[in-house]
Amino acid sequence: QLQLVDSGGGLVQPGGSLRLSCAASGFSPDYYAFAWFRQAPGKEHEGVSSISSRGDSAHYADSVKDRFTISKDNAKKTVYLQMNNLKPEDTAVYYCAAVSGSSWLLRPPSVTDEAQYDYWGQGTQVIVSS
């Protein structure tokens, strides 16, 4: 069964850190690019970050640039989102997604076209509050 499993969310104080994980099973992530999206209560999905299938090129939304880092470990079949200096506005359910295709070997996929993604995780809740 092909699936992505998101984990690592939780409650953290402003300024704190969390690392989200997205574990792939049933397929090899080597040939997939990945992205993280989030959805806050009452708001639309927002693309947070994406990474090329080779894992050496990434994109970040302006709202998380210089605070979040996406990485990909093909050997562990896992994609990570390291989140530092968290703010209350980062509170949301975070989802990872995977997309195949040679277009994303060297460059990260767009986070504005959600329809292109083949697989989605179930989401993990992040709450930033004092």
C-alpha atoms as a PDB file:
ATOM      1  CA  GLN A   1       0.000   0.000   0.000  1.00  0.00           C
ATOM      2  CA  LEU A   2       1.397   3.361  -1.037  1.00  0.00           C
ATOM      3  CA  GLN A   3       1.212   5.933   1.710  1.00  0.00           C
ATOM      4  CA  LEU A   4       2.823   8.852   3.507  1.00  0.00           C
ATOM      5  CA  VAL A   5       2.710   9.063   7.287  1.00  0.00           C
ATOM      6  CA  ASP A   6       3.194  12.467   8.915  1.00  0.00           C
ATOM      7  CA  SER A   7       4.417  12.781  12.491  1.00  0.00           C
ATOM      8  CA  GLY A   8       6.263  15.083  14.875  1.00  0.00           C
ATOM      9  CA  GLY A   9       3.645  17.709  15.586  1.00  0.00           C
ATOM     10  CA  GLY A  10       2.792  18.946  19.058  1.00  0.00           C
ATOM     11  CA  LEU A  11       2.453  21.899  21.376  1.00  0.00           C
ATOM     12  CA  VAL A  12       5.403  24.269  21.563  1.00  0.00           C
ATOM     13  CA  GLN A  13       5.990  27.732  22.967  1.00  0.00           C
ATOM     14  CA  PRO A  14       6.745  30.687  20.688  1.00  0.00           C
ATOM     15  CA  GLY A  15      10.409  30.635  19.749  1.00  0.00           C
ATOM     16  CA  GLY A  16      10.593  26.873  20.101  1.00  0.00           C
ATOM     17  CA  SER A  17      11.375  24.182  17.548  1.00  0.00           C
ATOM     18  CA  LEU A  18       9.799  21.059  16.126  1.00  0.00           C
ATOM     19  CA  ARG A  19      10.861  18.580  13.482  1.00  0.00           C
ATOM     20  CA  LEU A  20       8.139  17.039  11.352  1.00  0.00           C
ATOM     21  CA  SER A  21       8.680  13.737   9.567  1.00  0.00           C
ATOM     22  CA  CYS A  22       7.000  12.275   6.508  1.00  0.00           C
ATOM     23  CA  ALA A  23       7.672   8.559   6.099  1.00  0.00           C
ATOM     24  CA  ALA A  24       7.006   6.930   2.738  1.00  0.00           C
ATOM     25  CA  SER A  25       5.953   3.306   2.448  1.00  0.00           C
ATOM     26  CA  GLY A  26       5.053   1.136  -0.512  1.00  0.00           C
ATOM     27  CA  PHE A  27       7.121   3.150  -2.949  1.00  0.00           C
ATOM     28  CA  SER A  28      10.612   4.503  -3.352  1.00  0.00           C
ATOM     29  CA  PRO A  29      10.841   8.232  -2.656  1.00  0.00           C
ATOM     30  CA  ASP A  30      14.046   8.488  -4.692  1.00  0.00           C
ATOM     31  CA  TYR A  31      12.107   9.556  -7.767  1.00  0.00           C
ATOM     32  CA  TYR A  32       9.624  11.775  -6.011  1.00  0.00           C
ATOM     33  CA  ALA A  33       9.782  15.412  -5.056  1.00  0.00           C
ATOM     34  CA  PHE A  34       8.063  16.426  -1.839  1.00  0.00           C
ATOM     35  CA  ALA A  35       6.337  19.395  -0.308  1.00  0.00           C
ATOM     36  CA  TRP A  36       4.853  20.471   2.995  1.00  0.00           C
ATOM     37  CA  PHE A  37       1.520  22.268   3.169  1.00  0.00           C
ATOM     38  CA  ARG A  38      -0.386  23.577   6.143  1.00  0.00           C
ATOM     39  CA  GLN A  39      -3.930  24.547   6.938  1.00  0.00           C
ATOM     40  CA  ALA A  40      -4.840  26.782   9.834  1.00  0.00           C
ATOM     41  CA  PRO A  41      -8.398  26.899  11.189  1.00  0.00           C
ATOM     42  CA  GLY A  42     -10.614  28.889   8.864  1.00  0.00           C
ATOM     43  CA  LYS A  43      -7.862  29.367   6.298  1.00  0.00           C
ATOM     44  CA  GLU A  44      -6.979  27.778   2.984  1.00  0.00           C
ATOM     45  CA  HIS A  45      -4.143  25.353   2.357  1.00  0.00           C
ATOM     46  CA  GLU A  46      -0.805  27.121   2.228  1.00  0.00           C
ATOM     47  CA  GLY A  47       2.290  25.745   0.556  1.00  0.00           C
ATOM     48  CA  VAL A  48       5.168  25.944   3.018  1.00  0.00           C
ATOM     49  CA  SER A  49       8.161  24.340   1.374  1.00  0.00           C
ATOM     50  CA  SER A  50       9.175  21.877  -1.339  1.00  0.00           C
ATOM     51  CA  ILE A  51      12.267  19.904  -2.293  1.00  0.00           C
ATOM     52  CA  SER A  52      13.531  18.346  -5.505  1.00  0.00           C
ATOM     53  CA  SER A  53      13.634  14.550  -5.849  1.00  0.00           C
ATOM     54  CA  ARG A  54      17.412  14.658  -5.701  1.00  0.00           C
ATOM     55  CA  GLY A  55      17.103  16.570  -2.439  1.00  0.00           C
ATOM     56  CA  ASP A  56      19.479  19.398  -3.216  1.00  0.00           C
ATOM     57  CA  SER A  57      17.139  22.199  -4.236  1.00  0.00           C
ATOM     58  CA  ALA A  58      14.394  23.663  -2.074  1.00  0.00           C
ATOM     59  CA  HIS A  59      11.762  26.369  -2.065  1.00  0.00           C
ATOM     60  CA  TYR A  60      10.304  28.197   0.931  1.00  0.00           C
ATOM     61  CA  ALA A  61       7.307  30.438   1.352  1.00  0.00           C
ATOM     62  CA  ASP A  62       8.250  33.933   2.468  1.00  0.00           C
ATOM     63  CA  SER A  63       6.431  33.373   5.757  1.00  0.00           C
ATOM     64  CA  VAL A  64       8.835  30.582   6.788  1.00  0.00           C
ATOM     65  CA  LYS A  65      12.050  31.499   4.988  1.00  0.00           C
ATOM     66  CA  ASP A  66      15.106  31.452   7.265  1.00  0.00           C
ATOM     67  CA  ARG A  67      13.122  29.595   9.961  1.00  0.00           C
ATOM     68  CA  PHE A  68      12.168  26.297   8.326  1.00  0.00           C
ATOM     69  CA  THR A  69      14.405  23.759   6.581  1.00  0.00           C
ATOM     70  CA  ILE A  70      13.195  20.895   4.413  1.00  0.00           C
ATOM     71  CA  SER A  71      15.373  17.845   3.862  1.00  0.00           C
ATOM     72  CA  LYS A  72      15.088  14.426   2.265  1.00  0.00           C
ATOM     73  CA  ASP A  73      16.725  11.166   3.337  1.00  0.00           C
ATOM     74  CA  ASN A  74      16.129   8.621   0.590  1.00  0.00           C
ATOM     75  CA  ALA A  75      17.811   5.829   2.542  1.00  0.00           C
ATOM     76  CA  LYS A  76      15.332   6.291   5.383  1.00  0.00           C
ATOM     77  CA  LYS A  77      12.454   7.029   2.973  1.00  0.00           C
ATOM     78  CA  THR A  78      11.689  10.113   5.033  1.00  0.00           C
ATOM     79  CA  VAL A  79      11.306  13.821   4.410  1.00  0.00           C
ATOM     80  CA  TYR A  80      11.750  16.271   7.265  1.00  0.00           C
ATOM     81  CA  LEU A  81      10.656  19.796   8.039  1.00  0.00           C
ATOM     82  CA  GLN A  82      12.779  21.406  10.729  1.00  0.00           C
ATOM     83  CA  MET A  83      10.878  24.347  12.164  1.00  0.00           C
ATOM     84  CA  ASN A  84      12.728  26.865  14.314  1.00  0.00           C
ATOM     85  CA  ASN A  85      11.692  30.120  15.960  1.00  0.00           C
ATOM     86  CA  LEU A  86       8.056  29.085  15.760  1.00  0.00           C
ATOM     87  CA  LYS A  87       5.370  31.739  15.915  1.00  0.00           C
ATOM     88  CA  PRO A  88       1.692  31.512  16.901  1.00  0.00           C
ATOM     89  CA  GLU A  89       0.782  32.061  13.244  1.00  0.00           C
ATOM     90  CA  ASP A  90       2.532  28.779  12.410  1.00  0.00           C
ATOM     91  CA  THR A  91      -0.260  26.939  14.203  1.00  0.00           C
ATOM     92  CA  ALA A  92      -1.865  24.589  11.679  1.00  0.00           C
ATOM     93  CA  VAL A  93      -2.205  21.019  10.537  1.00  0.00           C
ATOM     94  CA  TYR A  94       0.831  20.198   8.428  1.00  0.00           C
ATOM     95  CA  TYR A  95       0.646  17.768   5.504  1.00  0.00           C
ATOM     96  CA  CYS A  96       3.371  16.342   3.333  1.00  0.00           C
ATOM     97  CA  ALA A  97       2.785  15.463  -0.307  1.00  0.00           C
ATOM     98  CA  ALA A  98       4.763  13.690  -3.028  1.00  0.00           C
ATOM     99  CA  VAL A  99       4.879  14.193  -6.786  1.00  0.00           C
ATOM    100  CA  SER A 100       6.689  12.123  -9.389  1.00  0.00           C
ATOM    101  CA  GLY A 101       8.220  13.288 -12.635  1.00  0.00           C
ATOM    102  CA  SER A 102      11.549  14.126 -14.176  1.00  0.00           C
ATOM    103  CA  SER A 103      10.653  17.832 -14.031  1.00  0.00           C
ATOM    104  CA  TRP A 104      11.412  17.813 -10.323  1.00  0.00           C
ATOM    105  CA  LEU A 105      14.745  16.018 -10.352  1.00  0.00           C
ATOM    106  CA  LEU A 106      16.776  19.190 -10.028  1.00  0.00           C
ATOM    107  CA  ARG A 107      14.249  21.805  -9.000  1.00  0.00           C
ATOM    108  CA  PRO A 108      11.574  21.894  -6.303  1.00  0.00           C
ATOM    109  CA  PRO A 109       7.944  21.554  -7.383  1.00  0.00           C
ATOM    110  CA  SER A 110       5.490  24.393  -7.159  1.00  0.00           C
ATOM    111  CA  VAL A 111       3.500  24.596  -3.940  1.00  0.00           C
ATOM    112  CA  THR A 112       0.667  26.497  -5.620  1.00  0.00           C
ATOM    113  CA  ASP A 113      -0.544  23.597  -7.776  1.00  0.00           C
ATOM    114  CA  GLU A 114      -1.781  21.047  -5.253  1.00  0.00           C
ATOM    115  CA  ALA A 115      -3.512  18.944  -7.914  1.00  0.00           C
ATOM    116  CA  GLN A 116      -0.169  17.739  -9.264  1.00  0.00           C
ATOM    117  CA  TYR A 117       0.702  15.820  -6.091  1.00  0.00           C
ATOM    118  CA  ASP A 118       0.215  12.060  -6.196  1.00  0.00           C
ATOM    119  CA  TYR A 119       0.242  11.171  -2.521  1.00  0.00           C
ATOM    120  CA  TRP A 120      -0.686  12.984   0.680  1.00  0.00           C
ATOM    121  CA  GLY A 121      -0.008  12.333   4.342  1.00  0.00           C
ATOM    122  CA  GLN A 122      -2.750  12.369   6.941  1.00  0.00           C
ATOM    123  CA  GLY A 123      -1.464  15.522   8.622  1.00  0.00           C
ATOM    124  CA  THR A 124       0.098  16.353  11.970  1.00  0.00           C
ATOM    125  CA  GLN A 125      -1.081  19.153  14.274  1.00  0.00           C
ATOM    126  CA  VAL A 126       1.294  21.926  15.305  1.00  0.00           C
ATOM    127  CA  ILE A 127       0.203  24.354  18.017  1.00  0.00           C
ATOM    128  CA  VAL A 128       2.389  27.296  18.939  1.00  0.00           C
ATOM    129  CA  SER A 129       1.169  28.888  22.131  1.00  0.00           C
ATOM    130  CA  SER A 130       2.427  30.124  25.472  1.00  0.00           C
END
